[in-house]
């Protein structure tokens, strides 16, 4: 099983989020849309969206890429 997240190539920091790769790619490409939606949603955003936006904001202007890691199943 794989986990997906973002990796800042300049800071060498990564965050692993509970979302599929396609949704993380969408968020990275459309962060401005998600921020606008967040202003108008009373219930708040899913935690992976809020955490992803916070990571992207913190690393604004840096090279942030989607990344994958394999998770080993417990034996």
PDB file of N, CA and C in Angstrom:
ATOM      1  N   UNK A   1       0.840  -1.165   0.000  1.00  0.00           N
ATOM      2  CA  UNK A   1       0.000   0.000   0.000  1.00  0.00           C
ATOM      3  C   UNK A   1       0.891   1.236   0.000  1.00  0.00           C
ATOM      4  N   UNK A   2       0.471   2.275  -0.689  1.00  0.00           N
ATOM      5  CA  UNK A   2       1.285   3.477  -0.808  1.00  0.00           C
ATOM      6  C   UNK A   2       0.603   4.662  -0.147  1.00  0.00           C
ATOM      7  N   UNK A   3       1.407   5.585   0.344  1.00  0.00           N
ATOM      8  CA  UNK A   3       0.923   6.856   0.890  1.00  0.00           C
ATOM      9  C   UNK A   3       1.463   7.957  -0.010  1.00  0.00           C
ATOM     10  N   UNK A   4       0.698   9.001  -0.162  1.00  0.00           N
ATOM     11  CA  UNK A   4       1.094  10.111  -1.018  1.00  0.00           C
ATOM     12  C   UNK A   4       1.168  11.393  -0.211  1.00  0.00           C
ATOM     13  N   UNK A   5       1.967  12.307  -0.681  1.00  0.00           N
ATOM     14  CA  UNK A   5       2.107  13.577   0.006  1.00  0.00           C
ATOM     15  C   UNK A   5       2.888  14.566  -0.838  1.00  0.00           C
ATOM     16  N   UNK A   6       3.340  15.612  -0.179  1.00  0.00           N
ATOM     17  CA  UNK A   6       4.149  16.642  -0.822  1.00  0.00           C
ATOM     18  C   UNK A   6       5.543  16.615  -0.216  1.00  0.00           C
ATOM     19  N   UNK A   7       6.517  16.988  -1.042  1.00  0.00           N
ATOM     20  CA  UNK A   7       7.908  17.066  -0.599  1.00  0.00           C
ATOM     21  C   UNK A   7       8.487  18.376  -1.107  1.00  0.00           C
ATOM     22  N   UNK A   8       9.038  19.169  -0.191  1.00  0.00           N
ATOM     23  CA  UNK A   8       9.711  20.414  -0.569  1.00  0.00           C
ATOM     24  C   UNK A   8      11.161  20.066  -0.856  1.00  0.00           C
ATOM     25  N   UNK A   9      11.572  20.264  -2.097  1.00  0.00           N
ATOM     26  CA  UNK A   9      12.936  19.908  -2.495  1.00  0.00           C
ATOM     27  C   UNK A   9      13.981  20.844  -1.904  1.00  0.00           C
ATOM     28  N   UNK A  10      13.578  22.048  -1.520  1.00  0.00           N
ATOM     29  CA  UNK A  10      14.540  22.993  -0.962  1.00  0.00           C
ATOM     30  C   UNK A  10      14.746  22.792   0.538  1.00  0.00           C
ATOM     31  N   UNK A  11      13.674  22.523   1.271  1.00  0.00           N
ATOM     32  CA  UNK A  11      13.751  22.353   2.724  1.00  0.00           C
ATOM     33  C   UNK A  11      13.917  20.898   3.140  1.00  0.00           C
ATOM     34  N   UNK A  12      13.679  19.979   2.197  1.00  0.00           N
ATOM     35  CA  UNK A  12      13.725  18.534   2.475  1.00  0.00           C
ATOM     36  C   UNK A  12      12.677  18.106   3.499  1.00  0.00           C
ATOM     37  N   UNK A  13      11.558  18.832   3.547  1.00  0.00           N
ATOM     38  CA  UNK A  13      10.457  18.466   4.430  1.00  0.00           C
ATOM     39  C   UNK A  13       9.379  17.785   3.602  1.00  0.00           C
ATOM     40  N   UNK A  14       8.647  16.871   4.230  1.00  0.00           N
ATOM     41  CA  UNK A  14       7.553  16.183   3.549  1.00  0.00           C
ATOM     42  C   UNK A  14       6.363  16.091   4.480  1.00  0.00           C
ATOM     43  N   UNK A  15       5.194  15.964   3.878  1.00  0.00           N
ATOM     44  CA  UNK A  15       3.964  15.732   4.623  1.00  0.00           C
ATOM     45  C   UNK A  15       3.216  14.617   3.906  1.00  0.00           C
ATOM     46  N   UNK A  16       2.679  13.696   4.677  1.00  0.00           N
ATOM     47  CA  UNK A  16       1.937  12.561   4.126  1.00  0.00           C
ATOM     48  C   UNK A  16       0.474  12.765   4.477  1.00  0.00           C
ATOM     49  N   UNK A  17      -0.376  12.793   3.456  1.00  0.00           N
ATOM     50  CA  UNK A  17      -1.778  13.118   3.652  1.00  0.00           C
ATOM     51  C   UNK A  17      -2.680  11.940   3.301  1.00  0.00           C
ATOM     52  N   UNK A  18      -3.817  11.890   3.948  1.00  0.00           N
ATOM     53  CA  UNK A  18      -4.779  10.796   3.741  1.00  0.00           C
ATOM     54  C   UNK A  18      -5.675  11.109   2.552  1.00  0.00           C
ATOM     55  N   UNK A  19      -5.072  11.135   1.375  1.00  0.00           N
ATOM     56  CA  UNK A  19      -5.814  11.413   0.145  1.00  0.00           C
ATOM     57  C   UNK A  19      -5.105  10.735  -1.024  1.00  0.00           C
ATOM     58  N   UNK A  20      -5.858  10.400  -2.061  1.00  0.00           N
ATOM     59  CA  UNK A  20      -5.243   9.787  -3.247  1.00  0.00           C
ATOM     60  C   UNK A  20      -4.355  10.785  -3.991  1.00  0.00           C
ATOM     61  N   UNK A  21      -3.449  10.251  -4.775  1.00  0.00           N
ATOM     62  CA  UNK A  21      -2.509  11.074  -5.544  1.00  0.00           C
ATOM     63  C   UNK A  21      -3.223  12.090  -6.426  1.00  0.00           C
ATOM     64  N   UNK A  22      -4.305  11.668  -7.085  1.00  0.00           N
ATOM     65  CA  UNK A  22      -5.020  12.566  -7.998  1.00  0.00           C
ATOM     66  C   UNK A  22      -5.582  13.780  -7.255  1.00  0.00           C
ATOM     67  N   UNK A  23      -6.077  13.565  -6.041  1.00  0.00           N
ATOM     68  CA  UNK A  23      -6.625  14.691  -5.284  1.00  0.00           C
ATOM     69  C   UNK A  23      -5.520  15.623  -4.798  1.00  0.00           C
ATOM     70  N   UNK A  24      -4.360  15.068  -4.453  1.00  0.00           N
ATOM     71  CA  UNK A  24      -3.234  15.922  -4.054  1.00  0.00           C
ATOM     72  C   UNK A  24      -2.727  16.737  -5.239  1.00  0.00           C
ATOM     73  N   UNK A  25      -2.701  16.136  -6.421  1.00  0.00           N
ATOM     74  CA  UNK A  25      -2.293  16.877  -7.620  1.00  0.00           C
ATOM     75  C   UNK A  25      -3.283  18.004  -7.890  1.00  0.00           C
ATOM     76  N   UNK A  26      -4.584  17.709  -7.745  1.00  0.00           N
ATOM     77  CA  UNK A  26      -5.604  18.734  -7.951  1.00  0.00           C
ATOM     78  C   UNK A  26      -5.401  19.883  -6.971  1.00  0.00           C
ATOM     79  N   UNK A  27      -5.183  19.566  -5.690  1.00  0.00           N
ATOM     80  CA  UNK A  27      -5.003  20.607  -4.679  1.00  0.00           C
ATOM     81  C   UNK A  27      -3.780  21.464  -4.981  1.00  0.00           C
ATOM     82  N   UNK A  28      -2.675  20.830  -5.366  1.00  0.00           N
ATOM     83  CA  UNK A  28      -1.449  21.585  -5.664  1.00  0.00           C
ATOM     84  C   UNK A  28      -1.666  22.522  -6.853  1.00  0.00           C
ATOM     85  N   UNK A  29      -2.378  22.046  -7.865  1.00  0.00           N
ATOM     86  CA  UNK A  29      -2.606  22.852  -9.070  1.00  0.00           C
ATOM     87  C   UNK A  29      -3.679  23.915  -8.873  1.00  0.00           C
ATOM     88  N   UNK A  30      -4.558  23.710  -7.903  1.00  0.00           N
ATOM     89  CA  UNK A  30      -5.683  24.624  -7.716  1.00  0.00           C
ATOM     90  C   UNK A  30      -5.808  25.108  -6.273  1.00  0.00           C
ATOM     91  N   UNK A  31      -4.679  25.321  -5.636  1.00  0.00           N
ATOM     92  CA  UNK A  31      -4.682  25.767  -4.242  1.00  0.00           C
ATOM     93  C   UNK A  31      -5.452  27.077  -4.092  1.00  0.00           C
ATOM     94  N   UNK A  32      -5.355  27.943  -5.078  1.00  0.00           N
ATOM     95  CA  UNK A  32      -6.068  29.225  -5.007  1.00  0.00           C
ATOM     96  C   UNK A  32      -7.582  29.015  -4.949  1.00  0.00           C
ATOM     97  N   UNK A  33      -8.093  28.001  -5.634  1.00  0.00           N
ATOM     98  CA  UNK A  33      -9.530  27.690  -5.603  1.00  0.00           C
ATOM     99  C   UNK A  33      -9.909  27.161  -4.223  1.00  0.00           C
ATOM    100  N   UNK A  34      -9.108  26.258  -3.687  1.00  0.00           N
ATOM    101  CA  UNK A  34      -9.395  25.682  -2.367  1.00  0.00           C
ATOM    102  C   UNK A  34      -9.376  26.763  -1.282  1.00  0.00           C
ATOM    103  N   UNK A  35      -8.455  27.717  -1.391  1.00  0.00           N
ATOM    104  CA  UNK A  35      -8.405  28.806  -0.409  1.00  0.00           C
ATOM    105  C   UNK A  35      -9.674  29.658  -0.475  1.00  0.00           C
ATOM    106  N   UNK A  36     -10.154  29.911  -1.680  1.00  0.00           N
ATOM    107  CA  UNK A  36     -11.377  30.700  -1.850  1.00  0.00           C
ATOM    108  C   UNK A  36     -12.578  29.950  -1.293  1.00  0.00           C
ATOM    109  N   UNK A  37     -12.665  28.660  -1.553  1.00  0.00           N
ATOM    110  CA  UNK A  37     -13.761  27.839  -1.022  1.00  0.00           C
ATOM    111  C   UNK A  37     -13.721  27.849   0.504  1.00  0.00           C
ATOM    112  N   UNK A  38     -12.533  27.768   1.070  1.00  0.00           N
ATOM    113  CA  UNK A  38     -12.389  27.739   2.524  1.00  0.00           C
ATOM    114  C   UNK A  38     -12.993  28.987   3.181  1.00  0.00           C
ATOM    115  N   UNK A  39     -12.960  30.103   2.484  1.00  0.00           N
ATOM    116  CA  UNK A  39     -13.520  31.343   3.025  1.00  0.00           C
ATOM    117  C   UNK A  39     -15.040  31.277   3.146  1.00  0.00           C
ATOM    118  N   UNK A  40     -15.669  30.403   2.376  1.00  0.00           N
ATOM    119  CA  UNK A  40     -17.127  30.385   2.301  1.00  0.00           C
ATOM    120  C   UNK A  40     -17.761  29.122   2.872  1.00  0.00           C
ATOM    121  N   UNK A  41     -16.972  28.227   3.415  1.00  0.00           N
ATOM    122  CA  UNK A  41     -17.494  26.972   3.948  1.00  0.00           C
ATOM    123  C   UNK A  41     -17.510  27.061   5.469  1.00  0.00           C
ATOM    124  N   UNK A  42     -18.685  26.949   6.047  1.00  0.00           N
ATOM    125  CA  UNK A  42     -18.806  27.069   7.500  1.00  0.00           C
ATOM    126  C   UNK A  42     -18.264  25.839   8.224  1.00  0.00           C
ATOM    127  N   UNK A  43     -18.472  24.668   7.650  1.00  0.00           N
ATOM    128  CA  UNK A  43     -18.054  23.431   8.320  1.00  0.00           C
ATOM    129  C   UNK A  43     -16.552  23.200   8.227  1.00  0.00           C
ATOM    130  N   UNK A  44     -15.865  23.963   7.414  1.00  0.00           N
ATOM    131  CA  UNK A  44     -14.426  23.774   7.253  1.00  0.00           C
ATOM    132  C   UNK A  44     -14.106  22.759   6.175  1.00  0.00           C
ATOM    133  N   UNK A  45     -12.862  22.658   5.851  1.00  0.00           N
ATOM    134  CA  UNK A  45     -12.395  21.733   4.826  1.00  0.00           C
ATOM    135  C   UNK A  45     -11.991  20.416   5.467  1.00  0.00           C
ATOM    136  N   UNK A  46     -11.917  19.369   4.655  1.00  0.00           N
ATOM    137  CA  UNK A  46     -11.368  18.108   5.146  1.00  0.00           C
ATOM    138  C   UNK A  46      -9.962  18.384   5.671  1.00  0.00           C
ATOM    139  N   UNK A  47      -9.561  17.619   6.682  1.00  0.00           N
ATOM    140  CA  UNK A  47      -8.260  17.885   7.310  1.00  0.00           C
ATOM    141  C   UNK A  47      -7.101  17.757   6.333  1.00  0.00           C
ATOM    142  N   UNK A  48      -7.166  16.816   5.384  1.00  0.00           N
ATOM    143  CA  UNK A  48      -6.053  16.667   4.444  1.00  0.00           C
ATOM    144  C   UNK A  48      -5.932  17.899   3.556  1.00  0.00           C
ATOM    145  N   UNK A  49      -7.053  18.554   3.243  1.00  0.00           N
ATOM    146  CA  UNK A  49      -6.999  19.765   2.415  1.00  0.00           C
ATOM    147  C   UNK A  49      -6.381  20.901   3.229  1.00  0.00           C
ATOM    148  N   UNK A  50      -6.852  21.079   4.447  1.00  0.00           N
ATOM    149  CA  UNK A  50      -6.312  22.145   5.302  1.00  0.00           C
ATOM    150  C   UNK A  50      -4.819  21.929   5.558  1.00  0.00           C
ATOM    151  N   UNK A  51      -4.427  20.691   5.852  1.00  0.00           N
ATOM    152  CA  UNK A  51      -3.007  20.387   6.099  1.00  0.00           C
ATOM    153  C   UNK A  51      -2.180  20.584   4.834  1.00  0.00           C
ATOM    154  N   UNK A  52      -2.720  20.173   3.696  1.00  0.00           N
ATOM    155  CA  UNK A  52      -2.011  20.348   2.426  1.00  0.00           C
ATOM    156  C   UNK A  52      -1.825  21.813   2.080  1.00  0.00           C
ATOM    157  N   UNK A  53      -2.878  22.612   2.261  1.00  0.00           N
ATOM    158  CA  UNK A  53      -2.762  24.054   1.993  1.00  0.00           C
ATOM    159  C   UNK A  53      -1.750  24.707   2.925  1.00  0.00           C
ATOM    160  N   UNK A  54      -1.750  24.311   4.186  1.00  0.00           N
ATOM    161  CA  UNK A  54      -0.785  24.879   5.134  1.00  0.00           C
ATOM    162  C   UNK A  54       0.643  24.556   4.695  1.00  0.00           C
ATOM    163  N   UNK A  55       0.881  23.318   4.248  1.00  0.00           N
ATOM    164  CA  UNK A  55       2.213  22.932   3.790  1.00  0.00           C
ATOM    165  C   UNK A  55       2.594  23.741   2.546  1.00  0.00           C
ATOM    166  N   UNK A  56       1.667  23.846   1.591  1.00  0.00           N
ATOM    167  CA  UNK A  56       1.958  24.603   0.360  1.00  0.00           C
ATOM    168  C   UNK A  56       2.204  26.077   0.668  1.00  0.00           C
ATOM    169  N   UNK A  57       1.434  26.649   1.599  1.00  0.00           N
ATOM    170  CA  UNK A  57       1.647  28.049   1.981  1.00  0.00           C
ATOM    171  C   UNK A  57       3.005  28.243   2.641  1.00  0.00           C
ATOM    172  N   UNK A  58       3.361  27.317   3.534  1.00  0.00           N
ATOM    173  CA  UNK A  58       4.646  27.407   4.245  1.00  0.00           C
ATOM    174  C   UNK A  58       5.831  27.316   3.280  1.00  0.00           C
ATOM    175  N   UNK A  59       5.673  26.578   2.200  1.00  0.00           N
ATOM    176  CA  UNK A  59       6.754  26.371   1.241  1.00  0.00           C
ATOM    177  C   UNK A  59       6.504  27.123  -0.067  1.00  0.00           C
ATOM    178  N   UNK A  60       5.704  28.175   0.003  1.00  0.00           N
ATOM    179  CA  UNK A  60       5.416  28.992  -1.177  1.00  0.00           C
ATOM    180  C   UNK A  60       6.693  29.492  -1.834  1.00  0.00           C
ATOM    181  N   UNK A  61       6.771  29.367  -3.140  1.00  0.00           N
ATOM    182  CA  UNK A  61       7.963  29.784  -3.873  1.00  0.00           C
ATOM    183  C   UNK A  61       9.038  28.715  -3.951  1.00  0.00           C
ATOM    184  N   UNK A  62       8.884  27.634  -3.211  1.00  0.00           N
ATOM    185  CA  UNK A  62       9.838  26.517  -3.267  1.00  0.00           C
ATOM    186  C   UNK A  62       9.363  25.491  -4.283  1.00  0.00           C
ATOM    187  N   UNK A  63      10.238  24.599  -4.627  1.00  0.00           N
ATOM    188  CA  UNK A  63       9.895  23.498  -5.519  1.00  0.00           C
ATOM    189  C   UNK A  63       9.251  22.387  -4.682  1.00  0.00           C
ATOM    190  N   UNK A  64       7.927  22.268  -4.779  1.00  0.00           N
ATOM    191  CA  UNK A  64       7.190  21.242  -4.042  1.00  0.00           C
ATOM    192  C   UNK A  64       6.676  20.224  -5.054  1.00  0.00           C
ATOM    193  N   UNK A  65       6.964  18.973  -4.798  1.00  0.00           N
ATOM    194  CA  UNK A  65       6.557  17.897  -5.706  1.00  0.00           C
ATOM    195  C   UNK A  65       5.686  16.881  -4.970  1.00  0.00           C
ATOM    196  N   UNK A  66       4.860  16.181  -5.738  1.00  0.00           N
ATOM    197  CA  UNK A  66       4.109  15.054  -5.185  1.00  0.00           C
ATOM    198  C   UNK A  66       5.075  13.911  -4.976  1.00  0.00           C
ATOM    199  N   UNK A  67       4.891  13.171  -3.904  1.00  0.00           N
ATOM    200  CA  UNK A  67       5.790  12.070  -3.611  1.00  0.00           C
ATOM    201  C   UNK A  67       4.991  10.874  -3.116  1.00  0.00           C
ATOM    202  N   UNK A  68       5.622   9.727  -3.139  1.00  0.00           N
ATOM    203  CA  UNK A  68       4.981   8.490  -2.734  1.00  0.00           C
ATOM    204  C   UNK A  68       5.937   7.684  -1.864  1.00  0.00           C
ATOM    205  N   UNK A  69       5.386   7.022  -0.873  1.00  0.00           N
ATOM    206  CA  UNK A  69       6.179   6.098  -0.073  1.00  0.00           C
ATOM    207  C   UNK A  69       5.383   4.809   0.082  1.00  0.00           C
ATOM    208  N   UNK A  70       6.091   3.735   0.143  1.00  0.00           N
ATOM    209  CA  UNK A  70       5.444   2.437   0.337  1.00  0.00           C
ATOM    210  C   UNK A  70       5.268   2.197   1.816  1.00  0.00           C
ATOM    211  N   UNK A  71       4.097   1.702   2.156  1.00  0.00           N
ATOM    212  CA  UNK A  71       3.836   1.342   3.551  1.00  0.00           C
ATOM    213  C   UNK A  71       3.818  -0.173   3.631  1.00  0.00           C
ATOM    214  N   UNK A  72       4.625  -0.692   4.513  1.00  0.00           N
ATOM    215  CA  UNK A  72       4.695  -2.141   4.688  1.00  0.00           C
ATOM    216  C   UNK A  72       3.559  -2.607   5.579  1.00  0.00           C
ATOM    217  N   UNK A  73       2.966  -3.699   5.221  1.00  0.00           N
ATOM    218  CA  UNK A  73       1.916  -4.285   6.059  1.00  0.00           C
ATOM    219  C   UNK A  73       2.532  -4.983   7.252  1.00  0.00           C
ATOM    220  N   UNK A  74       1.898  -4.837   8.412  1.00  0.00           N
ATOM    221  CA  UNK A  74       2.443  -5.556   9.575  1.00  0.00           C
ATOM    222  C   UNK A  74       2.283  -7.074   9.387  1.00  0.00           C
ATOM    223  N   UNK A  75       3.251  -7.813   9.850  1.00  0.00           N
ATOM    224  CA  UNK A  75       3.214  -9.272   9.697  1.00  0.00           C
ATOM    225  C   UNK A  75       2.586  -9.923  10.887  1.00  0.00           C
TER     226      UNK A  75
END
